[in-house]
C-alpha atoms as a PDB file:
ATOM      1  CA  MET A   1       9.722 -20.719 -27.449  1.00  0.00           C
ATOM      2  CA  THR A   2      10.629 -17.146 -26.374  1.00  0.00           C
ATOM      3  CA  GLU A   3       8.992 -15.628 -23.191  1.00  0.00           C
ATOM      4  CA  ASP A   4       7.045 -13.237 -25.611  1.00  0.00           C
ATOM      5  CA  ASP A   5       5.384 -16.646 -26.902  1.00  0.00           C
ATOM      6  CA  LEU A   6       4.416 -17.784 -23.517  1.00  0.00           C
ATOM      7  CA  HIS A   7       3.105 -14.360 -22.409  1.00  0.00           C
ATOM      8  CA  ALA A   8       1.199 -14.112 -25.466  1.00  0.00           C
ATOM      9  CA  TYR A   9      -0.256 -17.760 -24.873  1.00  0.00           C
ATOM     10  CA  ALA A  10      -1.106 -16.934 -21.520  1.00  0.00           C
ATOM     11  CA  ASP A  11      -3.008 -13.643 -22.671  1.00  0.00           C
ATOM     12  CA  GLY A  12      -4.751 -15.566 -25.490  1.00  0.00           C
ATOM     13  CA  GLN A  13      -3.428 -13.140 -28.059  1.00  0.00           C
ATOM     14  CA  LEU A  14      -1.857 -16.062 -30.361  1.00  0.00           C
ATOM     15  CA  GLU A  15      -2.860 -16.677 -33.965  1.00  0.00           C
ATOM     16  CA  PRO A  16      -4.139 -20.416 -33.948  1.00  0.00           C
ATOM     17  CA  GLY A  17      -1.185 -21.844 -35.647  1.00  0.00           C
ATOM     18  CA  ARG A  18       1.275 -20.316 -33.138  1.00  0.00           C
ATOM     19  CA  ARG A  19      -1.151 -21.208 -30.375  1.00  0.00           C
ATOM     20  CA  ALA A  20      -0.755 -24.698 -31.361  1.00  0.00           C
ATOM     21  CA  GLU A  21       3.213 -24.882 -31.564  1.00  0.00           C
ATOM     22  CA  VAL A  22       3.167 -23.173 -28.257  1.00  0.00           C
ATOM     23  CA  GLU A  23       0.855 -25.930 -26.558  1.00  0.00           C
ATOM     24  CA  ALA A  24       2.819 -28.473 -27.961  1.00  0.00           C
ATOM     25  CA  TRP A  25       5.838 -27.165 -26.399  1.00  0.00           C
ATOM     26  CA  LEU A  26       3.934 -26.705 -23.411  1.00  0.00           C
ATOM     27  CA  ALA A  27       2.862 -30.576 -22.846  1.00  0.00           C
ATOM     28  CA  ALA A  28       6.620 -31.467 -23.583  1.00  0.00           C
ATOM     29  CA  HIS A  29       7.943 -28.785 -21.299  1.00  0.00           C
ATOM     30  CA  PRO A  30       6.366 -28.806 -17.651  1.00  0.00           C
ATOM     31  CA  GLU A  31       7.747 -26.227 -15.915  1.00  0.00           C
ATOM     32  CA  ASP A  32       6.646 -24.115 -18.551  1.00  0.00           C
ATOM     33  CA  ALA A  33       3.334 -25.161 -18.324  1.00  0.00           C
ATOM     34  CA  GLU A  34       2.905 -24.413 -14.614  1.00  0.00           C
ATOM     35  CA  ARG A  35       4.357 -20.864 -15.150  1.00  0.00           C
ATOM     36  CA  VAL A  36       2.075 -20.093 -17.936  1.00  0.00           C
ATOM     37  CA  ALA A  37      -0.855 -21.429 -15.592  1.00  0.00           C
ATOM     38  CA  ALA A  38      -0.091 -19.173 -12.970  1.00  0.00           C
ATOM     39  CA  TRP A  39       0.120 -16.194 -15.268  1.00  0.00           C
ATOM     40  CA  ALA A  40      -3.436 -17.228 -16.742  1.00  0.00           C
ATOM     41  CA  ALA A  41      -4.701 -17.490 -12.959  1.00  0.00           C
ATOM     42  CA  LEU A  42      -3.210 -14.422 -12.065  1.00  0.00           C
ATOM     43  CA  SER A  43      -4.706 -12.421 -14.984  1.00  0.00           C
ATOM     44  CA  ARG A  44      -8.056 -13.932 -14.555  1.00  0.00           C
ATOM     45  CA  GLN A  45      -7.906 -12.838 -10.602  1.00  0.00           C
ATOM     46  CA  LEU A  46      -7.288  -9.694 -11.548  1.00  0.00           C
ATOM     47  CA  HIS A  47      -9.416  -9.289 -14.249  1.00  0.00           C
ATOM     48  CA  GLU A  48     -12.488 -10.465 -12.392  1.00  0.00           C
ATOM     49  CA  ARG A  49     -11.750  -8.187  -9.306  1.00  0.00           C
ATOM     50  CA  PHE A  50     -11.541  -5.142 -11.387  1.00  0.00           C
ATOM     51  CA  GLY A  51     -12.630  -5.807 -14.937  1.00  0.00           C
ATOM     52  CA  PRO A  52     -16.291  -4.367 -14.351  1.00  0.00           C
ATOM     53  CA  VAL A  53     -14.954  -1.094 -13.153  1.00  0.00           C
ATOM     54  CA  LEU A  54     -13.008  -0.595 -16.627  1.00  0.00           C
ATOM     55  CA  HIS A  55     -16.684   0.517 -17.574  1.00  0.00           C
ATOM     56  CA  GLU A  56     -17.724   2.706 -15.164  1.00  0.00           C
ATOM     57  CA  PRO A  57     -17.567   6.389 -14.934  1.00  0.00           C
ATOM     58  CA  THR A  58     -14.476   7.629 -13.127  1.00  0.00           C
ATOM     59  CA  PRO A  59     -15.962   8.673  -9.718  1.00  0.00           C
ATOM     60  CA  ALA A  60     -14.723  12.135  -8.713  1.00  0.00           C
ATOM     61  CA  ARG A  61     -13.050  11.012  -5.490  1.00  0.00           C
ATOM     62  CA  LEU A  62     -10.642   8.936  -8.011  1.00  0.00           C
ATOM     63  CA  LEU A  63      -9.685  11.457 -10.065  1.00  0.00           C
ATOM     64  CA  ALA A  64      -8.969  13.901  -7.051  1.00  0.00           C
ATOM     65  CA  ALA A  65      -6.804  10.773  -5.478  1.00  0.00           C
ATOM     66  CA  ALA A  66      -5.147  10.260  -8.927  1.00  0.00           C
ATOM     67  CA  ARG A  67      -3.298  13.372  -8.208  1.00  0.00           C
ATOM     68  CA  GLY A  68      -1.547  12.264  -5.457  1.00  0.00           C
ATOM     69  CA  ARG A  69      -0.027   8.724  -4.280  1.00  0.00           C
ATOM     70  CA  ALA A  70      -3.381   6.540  -4.374  1.00  0.00           C
ATOM     71  CA  ALA A  71      -2.973   6.948  -8.159  1.00  0.00           C
ATOM     72  CA  VAL A  72      -0.017   4.078  -7.814  1.00  0.00           C
ATOM     73  CA  THR A  73      -2.456   1.317  -6.212  1.00  0.00           C
ATOM     74  CA  TRP A  74      -4.577   1.344  -8.899  1.00  0.00           C
ATOM     75  CA  ARG A  75      -1.953   1.340 -11.466  1.00  0.00           C
ATOM     76  CA  LEU A  76      -0.342  -1.658 -10.060  1.00  0.00           C
ATOM     77  CA  ALA A  77      -3.708  -3.433  -9.661  1.00  0.00           C
ATOM     78  CA  ALA A  78      -5.012  -2.529 -13.265  1.00  0.00           C
ATOM     79  CA  SER A  79      -4.254  -5.760 -14.955  1.00  0.00           C
ATOM     80  CA  PHE A  80      -1.792  -8.091 -15.815  1.00  0.00           C
ATOM     81  CA  ALA A  81       0.253  -6.516 -18.323  1.00  0.00           C
ATOM     82  CA  GLY A  82       1.175  -3.948 -15.440  1.00  0.00           C
ATOM     83  CA  ALA A  83       2.432  -6.807 -13.383  1.00  0.00           C
ATOM     84  CA  MET A  84       4.838  -7.978 -16.108  1.00  0.00           C
ATOM     85  CA  LEU A  85       6.012  -4.219 -16.659  1.00  0.00           C
ATOM     86  CA  LEU A  86       6.933  -3.837 -12.992  1.00  0.00           C
ATOM     87  CA  ALA A  87      10.377  -5.761 -14.006  1.00  0.00           C
ATOM     88  CA  GLY A  88      11.064  -2.346 -15.948  1.00  0.00           C
ATOM     89  CA  GLY A  89       9.582   0.013 -14.102  1.00  0.00           C
ATOM     90  CA  LEU A  90      10.502  -0.136 -10.237  1.00  0.00           C
ATOM     91  CA  GLY A  91      11.662   2.960  -9.158  1.00  0.00           C
ATOM     92  CA  GLY A  92      14.932   1.955  -7.777  1.00  0.00           C
ATOM     93  CA  VAL A  93      16.681  -0.799  -5.773  1.00  0.00           C
ATOM     94  CA  VAL A  94      18.988  -0.155  -2.626  1.00  0.00           C
ATOM     95  CA  GLY A  95      20.892  -3.449  -1.156  1.00  0.00           C
ATOM     96  CA  TYR A  96      22.416  -3.953   2.324  1.00  0.00           C
ATOM     97  CA  GLN A  97      23.724  -7.130   4.163  1.00  0.00           C
ATOM     98  CA  ALA A  98      20.965  -8.230   6.681  1.00  0.00           C
ATOM     99  CA  ARG A  99      23.481  -8.578   9.309  1.00  0.00           C
ATOM    100  CA  GLY A 100      25.160  -4.951   8.459  1.00  0.00           C
ATOM    101  CA  GLY A 101      26.854  -3.165   5.636  1.00  0.00           C
ATOM    102  CA  ALA A 102      26.698   0.237   4.159  1.00  0.00           C
ATOM    103  CA  PRO A 103      24.066   0.646   1.617  1.00  0.00           C
ATOM    104  CA  ALA A 104      24.770  -0.012  -1.988  1.00  0.00           C
ATOM    105  CA  ALA A 105      22.818   0.804  -5.335  1.00  0.00           C
ATOM    106  CA  GLN A 106      21.723  -2.540  -7.047  1.00  0.00           C
ATOM    107  CA  PRO A 107      21.337  -3.075 -10.787  1.00  0.00           C
ATOM    108  CA  LEU A 108      17.760  -3.215 -11.016  1.00  0.00           C
ATOM    109  CA  ALA A 109      18.001  -5.962 -13.728  1.00  0.00           C
ATOM    110  CA  GLN A 110      18.821  -8.236 -10.711  1.00  0.00           C
ATOM    111  CA  ALA A 111      15.774  -7.891  -8.905  1.00  0.00           C
ATOM    112  CA  PRO A 112      13.946 -11.437  -8.828  1.00  0.00           C
ATOM    113  CA  ALA A 113      10.945 -11.908 -10.043  1.00  0.00           C
ATOM    114  CA  PHE A 114       9.091 -13.152  -6.687  1.00  0.00           C
ATOM    115  CA  ALA A 115       9.748  -9.125  -5.494  1.00  0.00           C
ATOM    116  CA  HIS A 116       7.900  -7.731  -8.763  1.00  0.00           C
ATOM    117  CA  ARG A 117       4.840 -10.167  -7.758  1.00  0.00           C
ATOM    118  CA  ALA A 118       4.914  -9.464  -4.166  1.00  0.00           C
ATOM    119  CA  MET A 119       4.483  -5.610  -4.854  1.00  0.00           C
ATOM    120  CA  VAL A 120       1.788  -6.582  -7.309  1.00  0.00           C
ATOM    121  CA  ALA A 121      -0.092  -8.771  -4.808  1.00  0.00           C
ATOM    122  CA  HIS A 122       0.017  -6.137  -2.497  1.00  0.00           C
ATOM    123  CA  ALA A 123      -1.527  -3.671  -4.376  1.00  0.00           C
ATOM    124  CA  VAL A 124      -3.970  -5.741  -5.083  1.00  0.00           C
ATOM    125  CA  TYR A 125      -5.092  -6.907  -2.256  1.00  0.00           C
ATOM    126  CA  ALA A 126      -4.148  -4.481   0.577  1.00  0.00           C
ATOM    127  CA  PRO A 127      -7.002  -1.812   0.062  1.00  0.00           C
ATOM    128  CA  ASP A 128      -9.612  -4.458  -0.325  1.00  0.00           C
ATOM    129  CA  GLN A 129     -11.855  -3.625   2.827  1.00  0.00           C
ATOM    130  CA  ARG A 130     -13.872  -7.029   2.297  1.00  0.00           C
ATOM    131  CA  ARG A 131     -11.592  -9.909   1.289  1.00  0.00           C
ATOM    132  CA  ALA A 132      -8.014  -8.894   1.896  1.00  0.00           C
ATOM    133  CA  VAL A 133      -7.265 -12.617   3.323  1.00  0.00           C
ATOM    134  CA  GLU A 134      -8.917 -15.881   2.465  1.00  0.00           C
ATOM    135  CA  VAL A 135      -8.151 -16.946   5.962  1.00  0.00           C
ATOM    136  CA  ASP A 136      -8.500 -14.851   9.088  1.00  0.00           C
ATOM    137  CA  ALA A 137      -6.050 -14.639  11.886  1.00  0.00           C
ATOM    138  CA  GLU A 138      -8.579 -16.250  14.479  1.00  0.00           C
ATOM    139  CA  HIS A 139      -7.797 -19.506  12.143  1.00  0.00           C
ATOM    140  CA  GLU A 140      -4.265 -19.349  12.110  1.00  0.00           C
ATOM    141  CA  GLU A 141      -3.172 -22.490  13.211  1.00  0.00           C
ATOM    142  CA  LEU A 142      -5.479 -23.962  10.075  1.00  0.00           C
ATOM    143  CA  LEU A 143      -3.688 -21.016   7.868  1.00  0.00           C
ATOM    144  CA  VAL A 144      -0.374 -21.977   8.388  1.00  0.00           C
ATOM    145  CA  ARG A 145      -1.268 -25.916   8.165  1.00  0.00           C
ATOM    146  CA  TRP A 146      -2.967 -24.980   4.480  1.00  0.00           C
ATOM    147  CA  LEU A 147      -0.234 -23.225   3.505  1.00  0.00           C
ATOM    148  CA  SER A 148       2.638 -25.437   4.666  1.00  0.00           C
ATOM    149  CA  LYS A 149       0.952 -28.078   2.418  1.00  0.00           C
ATOM    150  CA  ARG A 150       0.365 -26.051  -0.509  1.00  0.00           C
ATOM    151  CA  LEU A 151       3.747 -25.206  -0.378  1.00  0.00           C
ATOM    152  CA  GLY A 152       5.575 -28.421   0.562  1.00  0.00           C
ATOM    153  CA  SER A 153       7.237 -26.594   3.853  1.00  0.00           C
ATOM    154  CA  PRO A 154       6.722 -25.992   7.195  1.00  0.00           C
ATOM    155  CA  LEU A 155       6.066 -22.396   6.790  1.00  0.00           C
ATOM    156  CA  ARG A 156       6.036 -20.293  10.081  1.00  0.00           C
ATOM    157  CA  VAL A 157       4.222 -16.807  10.703  1.00  0.00           C
ATOM    158  CA  PRO A 158       6.238 -13.817  12.326  1.00  0.00           C
ATOM    159  CA  GLN A 159       4.747 -12.137  15.301  1.00  0.00           C
ATOM    160  CA  LEU A 160       5.041  -8.292  14.727  1.00  0.00           C
ATOM    161  CA  GLN A 161       2.784  -6.917  17.612  1.00  0.00           C
ATOM    162  CA  PRO A 162       5.780  -5.437  19.390  1.00  0.00           C
ATOM    163  CA  LEU A 163       6.440  -3.567  16.542  1.00  0.00           C
ATOM    164  CA  GLY A 164       2.502  -2.385  16.366  1.00  0.00           C
ATOM    165  CA  TYR A 165       1.554  -5.226  13.444  1.00  0.00           C
ATOM    166  CA  ALA A 166      -1.448  -7.802  14.058  1.00  0.00           C
ATOM    167  CA  LEU A 167      -2.072 -10.401  11.852  1.00  0.00           C
ATOM    168  CA  GLU A 168      -4.965 -10.306   9.760  1.00  0.00           C
ATOM    169  CA  GLY A 169      -4.599 -13.707   7.821  1.00  0.00           C
ATOM    170  CA  GLY A 170      -3.032 -14.594   4.854  1.00  0.00           C
ATOM    171  CA  ARG A 171      -4.020 -16.241   1.401  1.00  0.00           C
ATOM    172  CA  LEU A 172      -2.559 -18.773  -1.234  1.00  0.00           C
ATOM    173  CA  LEU A 173      -1.646 -17.010  -4.705  1.00  0.00           C
ATOM    174  CA  PRO A 174       0.196 -18.560  -7.967  1.00  0.00           C
ATOM    175  CA  GLY A 175       3.880 -17.554  -8.406  1.00  0.00           C
ATOM    176  CA  SER A 176       5.848 -18.458 -11.274  1.00  0.00           C
ATOM    177  CA  GLN A 177       6.276 -22.158 -10.571  1.00  0.00           C
ATOM    178  CA  GLY A 178       3.852 -22.573  -7.986  1.00  0.00           C
ATOM    179  CA  PRO A 179       2.037 -21.647  -5.209  1.00  0.00           C
ATOM    180  CA  VAL A 180       3.312 -19.097  -2.914  1.00  0.00           C
ATOM    181  CA  ALA A 181       2.179 -17.186   0.481  1.00  0.00           C
ATOM    182  CA  GLN A 182       0.782 -13.696   1.195  1.00  0.00           C
ATOM    183  CA  PHE A 183       0.283 -13.019   5.128  1.00  0.00           C
ATOM    184  CA  MET A 184      -1.112  -9.138   5.956  1.00  0.00           C
ATOM    185  CA  TYR A 185      -0.357  -7.148   9.376  1.00  0.00           C
ATOM    186  CA  ARG A 186      -2.644  -4.022  10.106  1.00  0.00           C
ATOM    187  CA  ASP A 187      -1.289  -1.363  12.534  1.00  0.00           C
ATOM    188  CA  ALA A 188      -3.835   0.530  14.828  1.00  0.00           C
ATOM    189  CA  ALA A 189      -4.552   3.319  12.002  1.00  0.00           C
ATOM    190  CA  GLY A 190      -5.538   0.279   9.721  1.00  0.00           C
ATOM    191  CA  ALA A 191      -2.248   0.771   7.606  1.00  0.00           C
ATOM    192  CA  ARG A 192      -1.584  -2.543   5.911  1.00  0.00           C
ATOM    193  CA  LEU A 193       1.616  -4.294   5.320  1.00  0.00           C
ATOM    194  CA  THR A 194       2.511  -7.887   3.613  1.00  0.00           C
ATOM    195  CA  LEU A 195       4.759 -10.473   3.782  1.00  0.00           C
ATOM    196  CA  TYR A 196       5.193 -12.475   0.340  1.00  0.00           C
ATOM    197  CA  VAL A 197       6.564 -16.014   1.080  1.00  0.00           C
ATOM    198  CA  SER A 198       7.844 -17.899  -1.988  1.00  0.00           C
ATOM    199  CA  ASN A 199      10.197 -21.191  -2.008  1.00  0.00           C
ATOM    200  CA  GLU A 200      10.848 -21.266  -5.746  1.00  0.00           C
ATOM    201  CA  ALA A 201      14.245 -20.993  -5.678  1.00  0.00           C
ATOM    202  CA  ARG A 202      14.391 -23.893  -3.254  1.00  0.00           C
ATOM    203  CA  ASP A 203      15.558 -27.301  -5.279  1.00  0.00           C
ATOM    204  CA  LYS A 204      12.363 -29.228  -3.980  1.00  0.00           C
ATOM    205  CA  SER A 205      13.978 -32.660  -4.626  1.00  0.00           C
ATOM    206  CA  ALA A 206      16.394 -31.850  -1.559  1.00  0.00           C
ATOM    207  CA  PRO A 207      14.374 -30.741   1.468  1.00  0.00           C
ATOM    208  CA  ALA A 208      16.964 -30.618   3.737  1.00  0.00           C
ATOM    209  CA  GLN A 209      18.626 -27.840   1.113  1.00  0.00           C
ATOM    210  CA  ALA A 210      16.859 -24.978   3.063  1.00  0.00           C
ATOM    211  CA  ALA A 211      18.298 -25.837   6.245  1.00  0.00           C
ATOM    212  CA  SER A 212      21.471 -26.282   5.460  1.00  0.00           C
ATOM    213  CA  ALA A 213      21.953 -23.636   2.839  1.00  0.00           C
ATOM    214  CA  PRO A 214      24.474 -20.879   3.994  1.00  0.00           C
ATOM    215  CA  ARG A 215      22.679 -18.174   5.434  1.00  0.00           C
ATOM    216  CA  ASP A 216      24.026 -15.347   3.393  1.00  0.00           C
ATOM    217  CA  ALA A 217      20.625 -13.144   3.079  1.00  0.00           C
ATOM    218  CA  ALA A 218      20.932  -9.377   2.072  1.00  0.00           C
ATOM    219  CA  PHE A 219      17.913  -6.998   2.037  1.00  0.00           C
ATOM    220  CA  ARG A 220      17.278  -5.331  -1.275  1.00  0.00           C
ATOM    221  CA  PHE A 221      15.094  -2.107  -1.578  1.00  0.00           C
ATOM    222  CA  ALA A 222      12.096  -1.938  -4.064  1.00  0.00           C
ATOM    223  CA  GLN A 223      10.153   1.739  -4.706  1.00  0.00           C
ATOM    224  CA  GLU A 224       7.337   2.227  -7.040  1.00  0.00           C
ATOM    225  CA  GLY A 225       5.361   5.689  -6.256  1.00  0.00           C
ATOM    226  CA  GLY A 226       3.791   4.714  -2.810  1.00  0.00           C
ATOM    227  CA  VAL A 227       4.610   0.920  -2.477  1.00  0.00           C
ATOM    228  CA  ASN A 228       7.904   0.047  -0.982  1.00  0.00           C
ATOM    229  CA  SER A 229       9.374  -3.510  -0.176  1.00  0.00           C
ATOM    230  CA  PHE A 230      12.281  -4.714   1.514  1.00  0.00           C
ATOM    231  CA  TYR A 231      13.264  -8.043  -0.096  1.00  0.00           C
ATOM    232  CA  TRP A 232      15.623 -10.986   0.316  1.00  0.00           C
ATOM    233  CA  VAL A 233      16.543 -14.358  -0.148  1.00  0.00           C
ATOM    234  CA  ASP A 234      17.480 -16.844   2.179  1.00  0.00           C
ATOM    235  CA  GLY A 235      18.169 -20.618   1.989  1.00  0.00           C
ATOM    236  CA  GLY A 236      16.252 -21.045  -1.362  1.00  0.00           C
ATOM    237  CA  TRP A 237      13.191 -18.974  -0.237  1.00  0.00           C
ATOM    238  CA  GLY A 238      12.504 -15.654  -1.357  1.00  0.00           C
ATOM    239  CA  TYR A 239      10.595 -12.922   1.258  1.00  0.00           C
ATOM    240  CA  ALA A 240       9.236  -9.441   0.778  1.00  0.00           C
ATOM    241  CA  ILE A 241       7.651  -6.714   2.902  1.00  0.00           C
ATOM    242  CA  SER A 242       5.985  -4.329   1.063  1.00  0.00           C
ATOM    243  CA  ALA A 243       3.513  -1.435   2.538  1.00  0.00           C
ATOM    244  CA  GLY A 244       3.339   1.601   2.066  1.00  0.00           C
ATOM    245  CA  ALA A 245       5.390   2.647   5.102  1.00  0.00           C
ATOM    246  CA  ASP A 246       8.680   4.494   4.405  1.00  0.00           C
ATOM    247  CA  LYS A 247      11.982   2.341   4.147  1.00  0.00           C
ATOM    248  CA  THR A 248      13.437   2.849   7.624  1.00  0.00           C
ATOM    249  CA  GLU A 249      10.205   1.626   9.146  1.00  0.00           C
ATOM    250  CA  LEU A 250      10.359  -1.368   6.005  1.00  0.00           C
ATOM    251  CA  ALA A 251      13.857  -2.104   7.480  1.00  0.00           C
ATOM    252  CA  ARG A 252      12.778  -2.288  11.086  1.00  0.00           C
ATOM    253  CA  VAL A 253      10.034  -4.422  10.241  1.00  0.00           C
ATOM    254  CA  SER A 254      12.547  -6.809   7.554  1.00  0.00           C
ATOM    255  CA  SER A 255      14.938  -7.038  10.237  1.00  0.00           C
ATOM    256  CA  GLU A 256      12.570  -8.496  13.080  1.00  0.00           C
ATOM    257  CA  VAL A 257      10.841 -11.159  10.432  1.00  0.00           C
ATOM    258  CA  TYR A 258      14.711 -11.738   9.668  1.00  0.00           C
ATOM    259  CA  ARG A 259      15.394 -12.480  12.879  1.00  0.00           C
ATOM    260  CA  GLN A 260      12.427 -14.580  13.938  1.00  0.00           C
ATOM    261  CA  LEU A 261      12.271 -16.868  10.502  1.00  0.00           C
ATOM    262  CA  ALA A 262      16.235 -17.012  11.230  1.00  0.00           C
ATOM    263  CA  SER A 263      15.849 -18.486  14.678  1.00  0.00           C
ATOM    264  CA  PRO A 264      15.296 -22.399  15.437  1.00  0.00           C
END
């Protein structure tokens, strides 16, 4: 069973005969079934949110914005297919050790899938002025308990007020193998920044792994037009900071988030 078969099944694009074969495969392979269910859920969310816009005439203000950086956000959020294409469409990746080291170019193919999904999630929810988060910062304790329970591990929310970013809240999102978390921050000018947290790289049958795994995290930088992201993997957890801010600002924020999460 190929990835193309699984994606086509999630998108409802298979012939009945092949669809039955895929369903039989998924029944015998629960990990693939969870991935397909997550893809289908993300597709439904995007189509529910943006589907009606497809049939509207394009407003003049959006035509004007499309000539600038705002076009990037709409391209990323347009469809689930766009999310999948990010794996081959990111503009560039640069990496360096979290505790120092000279910058070095990294092969784009090595960028993990969670980094692509983090950029898509930022592009989908950061522009939303009404429902950017599911649980707001006034209920931070509830938010952390809820997301910790769903991810199966205790989460910590970095405090970024000293850097000029206040927590707005967060939400639960589908990953490739289960739930992931997104926390959203906002600066005084209204610019938003998101922290995407995934533990899909962690062996959930060994809860102590995250604490005992070697700390050899390295930052990587990904860019697609106006959406920039710093991401890293540490102790089986994947983290991504995404925003419209430049590389220098993201490096500053990522270093502080890394420092706080690394503290006992």
